[in-house]
């Protein structure tokens, strides 16, 4: 909670002390008859209901489509890039890229100012980031359209990750630029001995970077000095650092790699990292299955493992003990909680699990096996450490991880918990009325007749899309 408070204070300080004196117009798109119009948060319509789709460009404007005609408008509705026949617009990072019928590109910044245009003297190559060839030199643009680097040598690719980590591919090397404000690299760039079209897919300022070339289907782990520690031919959709491991995900499943590249594990059930995981017996449901804790293996039989591949929160997880029921085990292959359950769920990120001894009465339990709530018909997580605890199959109350009832009322229907401006709110429904609750105070902020859902992270929109409100209960638009 303390870390969360400090993070919120930092955001507030950055907002207050920001360098820009320009006020940002708060706008949103509202819908009518399956068409969109731009509207201010005060309810002032800036355009007609003519757009079939839109895409935001940071806080400056939107690429909009009307009758298959592309334009770029500001947050006030002003046309910054007007429609041209045969030309489409796309958003690349925080730039707008126009492509005409002949395949020629024009690059604009967020204000709609033309930066570069294909011509006899200028050639634009579009990768994850644009590469500009002009005056016999190649230049790579960052997410804002500014030049990151210029070279007389041919640049074959430019990639970007998290708006900050830019990779530039030459014939015989890859150069990595860290443009983030919290960069801890002493050098302006890192030269890496990798040939191909590599982009950063994960980073850790203590461990290094993971780069991936989709064309070669090749992954490389690089340390903070740019040295390649290992490469592996493996298809990757996402990668993350976790303890002393890399967690790789692709359409085939999850793989666990050690940071020296020597250990490669295909996850088949519960896992924590490359040294703590389960290997499910593919032939026999009740094993023996292989449990691995801190690299030490143990065979366990007479239990059935979760058929899904699941990352463990904490260190214990439920298994089905043959002819008995569910019990919680650790990666050491030993029972962690002796109690047998009729139903047992995984522990969540807040350290609790939903369990039932008889399949009828459910409660929250902590990792010590201690009961945290009273009994309910069922319990469902609704996010941010809150749960819908059902007294009947349709009527529920809201409890926290300790089982405490935070709101002394009952609700029915859909529920949603979310965070905005460092506060946690809940959208709860009762008798056809939607209530917005401040979860810290446990009080209703306001209520609206009908069913409403969170829209754009900071507005409420009626389920039929005919009314929009802000989080203070002020009406923005009603169709």
Protein backbone atom coordinates (compact mmCIF):
# COMPACT_ATOMS: atom_id res chain seq x y z
CA UNK A 1 0.00 0.00 0.00
CA UNK A 2 2.90 2.33 0.82
CA UNK A 3 4.51 1.68 -2.60
CA UNK A 4 1.19 2.39 -4.30
CA UNK A 5 0.84 5.68 -2.40
CA UNK A 6 4.36 6.77 -3.32
CA UNK A 7 3.75 5.90 -6.97
CA UNK A 8 0.58 7.97 -6.97
CA UNK A 9 2.37 10.92 -5.35
CA UNK A 10 5.08 10.70 -8.01
CA UNK A 11 2.47 10.80 -10.77
CA UNK A 12 0.84 13.82 -9.15
CA UNK A 13 4.19 15.62 -8.84
CA UNK A 14 5.02 14.91 -12.48
CA UNK A 15 1.62 16.25 -13.49
CA UNK A 16 2.00 19.41 -11.42
CA UNK A 17 5.61 20.12 -12.35
CA UNK A 18 5.37 19.12 -16.01
CA UNK A 19 7.16 21.37 -18.48
CA UNK A 20 4.22 21.76 -20.81
CA UNK A 21 2.00 24.73 -20.11
CA UNK A 22 -0.43 23.64 -22.80
CA UNK A 23 -3.76 22.49 -21.36
CA UNK A 24 -4.93 19.20 -22.75
CA UNK A 25 -8.51 19.16 -23.96
CA UNK A 26 -10.27 16.12 -22.51
CA UNK A 27 -12.21 14.49 -25.33
CA UNK A 28 -13.89 11.21 -26.08
CA UNK A 29 -15.85 9.67 -28.92
CA UNK A 30 -19.55 9.11 -28.32
CA UNK A 31 -21.74 6.83 -30.40
CA UNK A 32 -25.08 7.18 -32.15
CA UNK A 33 -26.55 4.75 -34.69
CA UNK A 34 -23.17 2.97 -35.00
CA UNK A 35 -21.38 6.21 -35.91
CA UNK A 36 -18.98 8.22 -33.74
CA UNK A 37 -18.62 11.92 -32.97
CA UNK A 38 -15.91 13.75 -31.04
CA UNK A 39 -17.15 15.27 -27.79
CA UNK A 40 -15.52 17.24 -24.96
CA UNK A 41 -15.86 16.06 -21.38
CA UNK A 42 -18.23 19.00 -20.88
CA UNK A 43 -20.58 17.59 -23.51
CA UNK A 44 -19.73 19.88 -26.44
CA UNK A 45 -19.89 17.96 -29.73
CA UNK A 46 -16.93 18.91 -31.93
CA UNK A 47 -17.93 16.86 -34.98
CA UNK A 48 -21.00 15.25 -36.46
CA UNK A 49 -21.80 11.56 -36.06
CA UNK A 50 -20.02 10.51 -39.25
CA UNK A 51 -17.01 8.38 -38.27
CA UNK A 52 -16.95 4.60 -38.53
CA UNK A 53 -13.65 4.25 -36.62
CA UNK A 54 -10.97 6.27 -34.86
CA UNK A 55 -7.51 5.85 -33.35
CA UNK A 56 -5.95 8.13 -30.78
CA UNK A 57 -2.52 9.73 -31.24
CA UNK A 58 -1.28 10.42 -27.71
CA UNK A 59 -3.06 13.57 -26.44
CA UNK A 60 -3.03 15.54 -29.68
CA UNK A 61 -5.61 14.06 -32.03
CA UNK A 62 -7.25 11.15 -33.81
CA UNK A 63 -6.99 9.37 -37.13
CA UNK A 64 -10.63 9.00 -38.21
CA UNK A 65 -12.39 7.19 -41.04
CA UNK A 66 -15.53 8.47 -42.78
CA UNK A 67 -16.90 6.57 -45.79
CA UNK A 68 -13.45 4.94 -46.22
CA UNK A 69 -11.88 8.41 -46.25
CA UNK A 70 -9.00 8.96 -43.82
CA UNK A 71 -8.35 12.23 -41.97
CA UNK A 72 -6.46 13.39 -38.91
CA UNK A 73 -8.29 15.73 -36.54
CA UNK A 74 -7.21 17.55 -33.40
CA UNK A 75 -8.87 17.19 -30.00
CA UNK A 76 -10.95 20.24 -30.94
CA UNK A 77 -12.19 18.59 -34.13
CA UNK A 78 -10.03 20.69 -36.46
CA UNK A 79 -8.82 18.87 -39.59
CA UNK A 80 -5.03 18.72 -39.36
CA UNK A 81 -4.52 16.28 -42.25
CA UNK A 82 -7.31 16.43 -44.81
CA UNK A 83 -8.55 13.61 -46.98
CA UNK A 84 -6.67 12.88 -50.18
CA UNK A 85 -8.06 10.46 -52.75
CA UNK A 86 -6.45 7.02 -52.57
CA UNK A 87 -4.47 7.88 -49.42
CA UNK A 88 -4.75 5.96 -46.15
CA UNK A 89 -3.51 7.09 -42.72
CA UNK A 90 -2.04 4.90 -40.01
CA UNK A 91 -0.61 5.56 -36.57
CA UNK A 92 3.03 4.54 -36.03
CA UNK A 93 3.96 5.20 -32.40
CA UNK A 94 3.09 8.93 -32.07
CA UNK A 95 3.41 9.72 -35.77
CA UNK A 96 0.86 9.68 -38.56
CA UNK A 97 1.93 7.92 -41.75
CA UNK A 98 0.12 8.57 -45.03
CA UNK A 99 0.39 6.05 -47.86
CA UNK A 100 -0.86 7.06 -51.31
CA UNK A 101 -2.15 4.90 -54.16
CA UNK A 102 1.39 4.53 -55.54
CA UNK A 103 2.76 3.25 -52.22
CA UNK A 104 4.58 6.51 -51.41
CA UNK A 105 4.82 7.62 -47.78
CA UNK A 106 4.47 10.95 -45.99
CA UNK A 107 5.25 11.24 -42.28
CA UNK A 108 3.56 13.78 -40.00
CA UNK A 109 4.04 14.64 -36.34
CA UNK A 110 1.23 14.80 -33.76
CA UNK A 111 0.37 18.36 -34.74
CA UNK A 112 -0.13 17.31 -38.35
CA UNK A 113 3.09 18.94 -39.51
CA UNK A 114 4.76 17.23 -42.47
CA UNK A 115 8.18 15.85 -41.50
CA UNK A 116 9.25 13.76 -44.49
CA UNK A 117 7.80 12.85 -47.88
CA UNK A 118 8.85 10.31 -50.48
CA UNK A 119 10.38 12.10 -53.47
CA UNK A 120 13.31 11.91 -55.88
CA UNK A 121 15.59 13.15 -53.09
CA UNK A 122 13.97 11.37 -50.13
CA UNK A 123 13.18 7.68 -49.68
CA UNK A 124 11.15 6.42 -46.71
CA UNK A 125 11.48 2.81 -45.53
CA UNK A 126 8.74 1.70 -43.12
CA UNK A 127 9.66 -0.76 -40.39
CA UNK A 128 8.51 -0.59 -36.75
CA UNK A 129 10.04 2.89 -36.99
CA UNK A 130 10.64 4.88 -40.19
CA UNK A 131 14.09 4.98 -41.77
CA UNK A 132 14.76 8.04 -43.93
CA UNK A 133 17.31 8.06 -46.78
CA UNK A 134 18.28 11.62 -47.66
CA UNK A 135 21.49 13.26 -48.88
CA UNK A 136 23.16 9.81 -49.10
CA UNK A 137 22.55 9.23 -45.38
CA UNK A 138 20.16 7.01 -43.42
CA UNK A 139 18.30 8.35 -40.37
CA UNK A 140 16.09 6.56 -37.85
CA UNK A 141 13.17 8.42 -36.26
CA UNK A 142 11.97 7.89 -32.70
CA UNK A 143 8.32 7.65 -31.64
CA UNK A 144 7.91 11.43 -31.87
CA UNK A 145 9.46 11.74 -35.33
CA UNK A 146 12.82 13.04 -34.09
CA UNK A 147 16.12 11.71 -35.47
CA UNK A 148 17.77 9.17 -33.17
CA UNK A 149 20.82 8.38 -35.30
CA UNK A 150 22.21 9.08 -38.76
CA UNK A 151 24.66 6.95 -40.73
CA UNK A 152 26.23 6.70 -44.17
CA UNK A 153 25.98 2.93 -43.82
CA UNK A 154 22.75 1.28 -44.93
CA UNK A 155 20.18 0.74 -42.19
CA UNK A 156 18.08 -2.36 -42.82
CA UNK A 157 15.61 -2.20 -39.94
CA UNK A 158 14.52 -0.09 -36.96
CA UNK A 159 12.49 -1.50 -34.06
CA UNK A 160 11.08 -0.06 -30.84
CA UNK A 161 9.96 -1.46 -27.49
CA UNK A 162 8.03 0.39 -24.77
CA UNK A 163 8.53 3.73 -26.52
CA UNK A 164 12.18 3.80 -25.38
CA UNK A 165 14.36 0.91 -26.56
CA UNK A 166 15.27 1.41 -30.21
CA UNK A 167 17.21 -1.15 -32.24
CA UNK A 168 18.95 -0.22 -35.49
CA UNK A 169 20.07 -3.00 -37.83
CA UNK A 170 23.15 -2.68 -40.03
CA UNK A 171 24.62 -5.32 -42.31
CA UNK A 172 26.93 -6.76 -39.67
CA UNK A 173 25.57 -5.56 -36.31
CA UNK A 174 22.65 -4.27 -34.26
CA UNK A 175 22.85 -1.04 -32.27
CA UNK A 176 20.59 -0.53 -29.25
CA UNK A 177 19.58 2.95 -28.03
CA UNK A 178 17.95 3.40 -24.63
CA UNK A 179 16.07 6.71 -24.77
CA UNK A 180 14.12 6.26 -21.52
CA UNK A 181 14.39 8.87 -18.78
CA UNK A 182 15.51 6.23 -16.26
CA UNK A 183 18.18 4.71 -18.49
CA UNK A 184 21.05 3.21 -16.51
CA UNK A 185 23.33 2.60 -19.47
CA UNK A 186 26.51 4.68 -19.35
CA UNK A 187 26.94 4.64 -23.11
CA UNK A 188 24.64 6.43 -25.54
CA UNK A 189 24.23 3.14 -27.41
CA UNK A 190 25.20 -0.53 -27.25
CA UNK A 191 26.73 -2.33 -30.23
CA UNK A 192 25.58 -5.95 -30.37
CA UNK A 193 27.01 -8.67 -32.60
CA UNK A 194 23.69 -9.73 -34.07
CA UNK A 195 22.81 -9.75 -37.75
CA UNK A 196 19.17 -9.42 -38.72
CA UNK A 197 16.04 -7.50 -37.79
CA UNK A 198 16.16 -7.66 -34.00
CA UNK A 199 13.96 -5.72 -31.61
CA UNK A 200 13.88 -5.65 -27.82
CA UNK A 201 11.08 -7.79 -26.36
CA UNK A 202 12.05 -7.65 -22.66
CA UNK A 203 14.44 -5.72 -20.44
CA UNK A 204 15.70 -5.68 -16.87
CA UNK A 205 18.19 -3.02 -15.77
CA UNK A 206 19.98 -5.56 -13.58
CA UNK A 207 19.99 -8.47 -16.03
CA UNK A 208 19.99 -7.08 -19.55
CA UNK A 209 17.85 -7.34 -22.67
CA UNK A 210 16.10 -9.99 -24.71
CA UNK A 211 16.07 -9.37 -28.47
CA UNK A 212 14.05 -11.25 -31.06
CA UNK A 213 14.20 -11.52 -34.86
CA UNK A 214 10.82 -12.64 -36.16
CA UNK A 215 12.12 -13.38 -39.66
CA UNK A 216 14.91 -15.67 -38.45
CA UNK A 217 12.80 -16.93 -35.52
CA UNK A 218 15.79 -16.30 -33.28
CA UNK A 219 15.98 -15.07 -29.69
CA UNK A 220 19.09 -13.57 -28.08
CA UNK A 221 19.81 -12.70 -24.46
CA UNK A 222 22.19 -9.74 -24.15
CA UNK A 223 23.81 -8.36 -21.00
CA UNK A 224 23.95 -4.68 -20.06
CA UNK A 225 27.24 -4.24 -21.93
CA UNK A 226 25.80 -5.57 -25.18
CA UNK A 227 27.44 -9.00 -25.05
CA UNK A 228 25.34 -11.85 -26.43
CA UNK A 229 25.08 -14.48 -23.68
CA UNK A 230 23.16 -17.02 -25.77
CA UNK A 231 20.91 -17.40 -28.81
CA UNK A 232 18.05 -19.80 -29.38
CA UNK A 233 15.93 -20.64 -32.42
CA UNK A 234 12.46 -20.48 -30.91
CA UNK A 235 9.22 -18.81 -31.89
CA UNK A 236 8.19 -16.14 -29.38
CA UNK A 237 5.05 -14.07 -28.83
CA UNK A 238 6.14 -12.54 -25.51
CA UNK A 239 9.04 -12.76 -23.06
CA UNK A 240 9.56 -11.61 -19.48
CA UNK A 241 12.29 -11.82 -16.86
CA UNK A 242 11.32 -13.69 -13.69
CA UNK A 243 13.90 -14.29 -10.98
CA UNK A 244 16.77 -16.17 -12.67
CA UNK A 245 14.66 -17.16 -15.66
CA UNK A 246 13.13 -16.08 -18.91
CA UNK A 247 9.46 -16.95 -19.40
CA UNK A 248 8.68 -17.42 -23.11
CA UNK A 249 5.14 -17.61 -24.50
CA UNK A 250 4.02 -18.66 -27.96
CA UNK A 251 0.99 -20.37 -29.48
CA UNK A 252 2.38 -23.78 -28.49
CA UNK A 253 2.66 -22.93 -24.79
CA UNK A 254 5.23 -21.69 -22.28
CA UNK A 255 8.96 -22.36 -22.03
CA UNK A 256 11.31 -21.60 -19.15
CA UNK A 257 14.91 -20.67 -19.92
CA UNK A 258 17.83 -20.16 -17.55
CA UNK A 259 19.82 -16.96 -18.04
CA UNK A 260 22.86 -18.94 -19.19
CA UNK A 261 20.73 -20.64 -21.86
CA UNK A 262 21.69 -24.12 -20.67
CA UNK A 263 18.35 -25.12 -19.17
CA UNK A 264 15.25 -25.17 -21.36
CA UNK A 265 11.99 -26.47 -19.87
CA UNK A 266 8.60 -26.81 -21.54
CA UNK A 267 6.01 -25.97 -18.88
CA UNK A 268 3.20 -28.56 -18.71
CA UNK A 269 1.43 -27.63 -15.46
CA UNK A 270 2.23 -25.30 -12.56
CA UNK A 271 5.46 -23.32 -12.71
CA UNK A 272 7.29 -20.53 -10.90
CA UNK A 273 10.56 -20.28 -12.82
CA UNK A 274 13.12 -22.53 -14.51
CA UNK A 275 14.09 -24.07 -11.14
CA UNK A 276 10.59 -24.51 -9.72
CA UNK A 277 8.00 -26.27 -11.84
CA UNK A 278 6.01 -29.46 -12.44
CA UNK A 279 6.41 -31.86 -15.36
CA UNK A 280 3.16 -33.68 -16.06
CA UNK A 281 3.26 -37.35 -17.01
CA UNK A 282 1.83 -37.46 -20.53
CA UNK A 283 0.86 -41.14 -20.33
CA UNK A 284 -0.70 -41.58 -16.88
CA UNK A 285 -3.17 -39.15 -15.28
CA UNK A 286 -2.08 -40.00 -11.73
CA UNK A 287 1.60 -39.96 -12.48
CA UNK A 288 4.23 -40.30 -11.41
CA UNK A 289 4.68 -36.58 -12.12
CA UNK A 290 8.00 -34.83 -11.70
CA UNK A 291 8.17 -32.02 -9.10
CA UNK A 292 11.18 -29.68 -9.25
CA UNK A 293 12.11 -27.32 -6.40
CA UNK A 294 15.28 -25.23 -6.57
CA UNK A 295 16.50 -27.58 -9.30
CA UNK A 296 16.01 -30.77 -7.25
CA UNK A 297 13.60 -33.34 -8.72
CA UNK A 298 11.13 -35.68 -7.06
CA UNK A 299 8.57 -38.11 -8.53
CA UNK A 300 5.07 -38.00 -7.05
CA UNK A 301 2.28 -40.43 -7.92
CA UNK A 302 -1.35 -40.79 -6.93
CA UNK A 303 -2.24 -37.22 -7.83
CA UNK A 304 -3.73 -35.46 -10.84
CA UNK A 305 -2.30 -32.12 -12.00
CA UNK A 306 -4.05 -29.10 -13.42
CA UNK A 307 -4.40 -29.74 -17.18
CA UNK A 308 -3.67 -26.06 -17.84
CA UNK A 309 -0.24 -24.43 -17.71
CA UNK A 310 -0.41 -21.93 -14.84
CA UNK A 311 2.04 -19.51 -13.22
CA UNK A 312 1.94 -19.89 -9.44
CA UNK A 313 1.34 -16.95 -7.12
CA UNK A 314 3.31 -17.84 -4.01
CA UNK A 315 4.67 -21.36 -3.61
CA UNK A 316 1.73 -23.76 -3.26
CA UNK A 317 -1.03 -24.96 -5.56
CA UNK A 318 -3.95 -27.44 -5.60
CA UNK A 319 -3.64 -31.00 -6.93
CA UNK A 320 -6.26 -33.73 -7.00
CA UNK A 321 -5.36 -36.65 -4.71
CA UNK A 322 -6.70 -39.92 -6.07
CA UNK A 323 -9.93 -41.10 -4.37
CA UNK A 324 -9.77 -38.22 -1.86
CA UNK A 325 -10.10 -34.70 -3.24
CA UNK A 326 -8.05 -31.56 -3.64
CA UNK A 327 -5.02 -30.78 -1.51
CA UNK A 328 -2.37 -28.06 -1.64
CA UNK A 329 1.20 -29.13 -2.46
CA UNK A 330 4.53 -27.35 -2.85
CA UNK A 331 7.17 -27.74 -5.55
CA UNK A 332 9.02 -30.12 -3.19
CA UNK A 333 6.29 -32.71 -3.83
CA UNK A 334 4.97 -32.57 -0.27
CA UNK A 335 1.57 -31.55 1.02
CA UNK A 336 1.61 -27.95 2.26
CA UNK A 337 -1.89 -27.98 3.79
CA UNK A 338 -3.26 -31.27 5.16
CA UNK A 339 -6.95 -30.46 4.63
CA UNK A 340 -8.77 -32.22 1.78
CA UNK A 341 -11.17 -30.05 -0.25
CA UNK A 342 -14.05 -30.83 -2.56
CA UNK A 343 -13.09 -27.79 -4.63
CA UNK A 344 -9.90 -25.72 -4.49
CA UNK A 345 -8.75 -22.84 -6.68
CA UNK A 346 -5.33 -21.35 -7.33
CA UNK A 347 -4.00 -18.65 -5.02
CA UNK A 348 -4.31 -15.23 -6.61
CA UNK A 349 -1.83 -12.35 -6.61
CA UNK A 350 -3.32 -11.11 -3.33
CA UNK A 351 -2.46 -14.34 -1.49
CA UNK A 352 -5.89 -15.93 -1.11
CA UNK A 353 -7.71 -18.86 -2.71
CA UNK A 354 -11.37 -19.85 -2.90
CA UNK A 355 -11.99 -23.31 -1.39
CA UNK A 356 -14.84 -25.59 -0.34
CA UNK A 357 -14.79 -28.71 1.80
CA UNK A 358 -18.21 -29.94 0.71
CA UNK A 359 -18.74 -28.30 -2.70
CA UNK A 360 -21.55 -26.15 -1.31
CA UNK A 361 -20.00 -23.72 1.18
CA UNK A 362 -17.10 -21.63 -0.18
CA UNK A 363 -14.71 -19.30 1.65
CA UNK A 364 -11.45 -17.40 1.21
CA UNK A 365 -8.32 -19.02 2.60
CA UNK A 366 -4.75 -17.70 3.00
CA UNK A 367 -1.60 -19.67 2.18
CA UNK A 368 -1.38 -20.93 5.78
CA UNK A 369 -4.71 -22.68 5.38
CA UNK A 370 -6.49 -20.15 7.59
CA UNK A 371 -10.10 -19.27 6.86
CA UNK A 372 -10.44 -15.59 5.92
CA UNK A 373 -14.16 -15.22 5.29
CA UNK A 374 -17.49 -16.70 6.24
CA UNK A 375 -19.16 -19.29 4.02
CA UNK A 376 -20.84 -18.35 0.75
CA UNK A 377 -22.59 -20.13 -2.13
CA UNK A 378 -19.74 -19.01 -4.40
CA UNK A 379 -16.99 -16.38 -4.50
CA UNK A 380 -15.66 -14.61 -7.61
CA UNK A 381 -12.75 -12.19 -7.92
CA UNK A 382 -13.76 -8.82 -9.38
CA UNK A 383 -10.26 -7.28 -9.34
CA UNK A 384 -7.97 -5.14 -7.20
CA UNK A 385 -8.26 -7.55 -4.25
CA UNK A 386 -12.07 -7.51 -4.02
CA UNK A 387 -14.53 -10.36 -4.39
CA UNK A 388 -18.22 -10.86 -5.12
CA UNK A 389 -19.34 -13.19 -2.32
CA UNK A 390 -22.70 -14.74 -3.16
CA UNK A 391 -25.29 -15.32 -0.42
CA UNK A 392 -27.52 -16.87 -3.12
CA UNK A 393 -26.86 -17.76 -6.76
CA UNK A 394 -27.69 -14.18 -7.79
CA UNK A 395 -27.24 -11.92 -4.73
CA UNK A 396 -23.75 -10.99 -3.55
CA UNK A 397 -21.86 -8.69 -1.20
CA UNK A 398 -18.35 -7.26 -1.63
CA UNK A 399 -15.52 -8.55 0.55
CA UNK A 400 -11.75 -7.98 0.61
CA UNK A 401 -8.88 -10.48 1.03
CA UNK A 402 -9.49 -10.62 4.79
CA UNK A 403 -13.14 -11.47 4.26
CA UNK A 404 -14.23 -8.09 5.57
CA UNK A 405 -17.46 -6.74 4.15
CA UNK A 406 -16.44 -3.36 2.73
CA UNK A 407 -19.90 -2.32 1.52
CA UNK A 408 -22.89 -3.16 3.69
CA UNK A 409 -25.35 -3.84 0.93
CA UNK A 410 -26.24 -6.56 -1.56
CA UNK A 411 -25.89 -6.42 -5.33
CA UNK A 412 -26.92 -8.39 -8.41
CA UNK A 413 -25.67 -8.59 -12.00
CA UNK A 414 -22.30 -7.54 -13.38
CA UNK A 415 -19.58 -5.90 -11.28
CA UNK A 416 -16.29 -4.23 -12.14
CA UNK A 417 -13.47 -2.87 -10.00
CA UNK A 418 -10.93 -0.45 -11.48
CA UNK A 419 -8.32 2.11 -10.52
CA UNK A 420 -8.31 5.73 -11.67
CA UNK A 421 -6.19 8.63 -10.43
CA UNK A 422 -4.79 6.47 -7.61
CA UNK A 423 -8.25 5.58 -6.31
CA UNK A 424 -10.03 2.23 -6.50
CA UNK A 425 -13.65 2.31 -7.64
CA UNK A 426 -16.32 -0.35 -8.13
CA UNK A 427 -19.25 -0.43 -10.54
CA UNK A 428 -22.02 -2.44 -8.90
CA UNK A 429 -25.57 -3.18 -10.00
CA UNK A 430 -28.72 -3.47 -7.92
CA UNK A 431 -32.31 -3.63 -9.13
CA UNK A 432 -31.47 -2.08 -12.51
CA UNK A 433 -29.40 0.74 -11.01
CA UNK A 434 -25.62 1.11 -11.37
CA UNK A 435 -23.69 2.43 -8.36
CA UNK A 436 -20.16 3.85 -8.45
CA UNK A 437 -18.40 3.17 -5.14
CA UNK A 438 -15.24 4.68 -3.69
CA UNK A 439 -13.73 1.50 -2.27
CA UNK A 440 -11.42 3.26 0.18
CA UNK A 441 -14.38 4.96 1.84
CA UNK A 442 -16.87 2.20 1.13
CA UNK A 443 -19.33 4.85 0.02
CA UNK A 444 -21.41 5.37 -3.09
CA UNK A 445 -20.24 8.33 -5.19
CA UNK A 446 -23.43 8.38 -7.26
CA UNK A 447 -25.91 6.08 -8.96
CA UNK A 448 -27.45 5.89 -12.43
CA UNK A 449 -30.59 4.18 -13.65
CA UNK A 450 -29.68 1.35 -16.02
CA UNK A 451 -26.54 -0.70 -16.63
CA UNK A 452 -23.28 1.19 -17.15
CA UNK A 453 -19.74 0.06 -17.94
CA UNK A 454 -16.30 1.66 -17.71
CA UNK A 455 -15.36 3.45 -20.95
CA UNK A 456 -11.85 4.61 -21.90
CA UNK A 457 -10.72 4.01 -18.33
CA UNK A 458 -12.33 7.18 -16.92
CA UNK A 459 -15.92 7.48 -18.14
CA UNK A 460 -19.13 5.54 -17.70
CA UNK A 461 -21.08 4.46 -20.75
CA UNK A 462 -24.55 2.97 -20.75
CA UNK A 463 -24.64 -0.59 -22.02
CA UNK A 464 -26.67 0.48 -25.05
CA UNK A 465 -24.11 3.28 -25.73
CA UNK A 466 -26.77 6.00 -25.41
CA UNK A 467 -25.43 7.90 -22.38
CA UNK A 468 -21.98 8.94 -21.10
CA UNK A 469 -20.97 10.28 -17.66
CA UNK A 470 -17.73 11.26 -15.96
CA UNK A 471 -16.65 9.73 -12.64
CA UNK A 472 -18.23 12.58 -10.68
CA UNK A 473 -21.66 11.78 -12.07
CA UNK A 474 -21.80 14.65 -14.56
CA UNK A 475 -23.66 13.92 -17.79
CA UNK A 476 -21.44 14.28 -20.86
CA UNK A 477 -23.74 13.14 -23.64
CA UNK A 478 -27.13 11.48 -23.95
CA UNK A 479 -28.41 10.25 -27.30
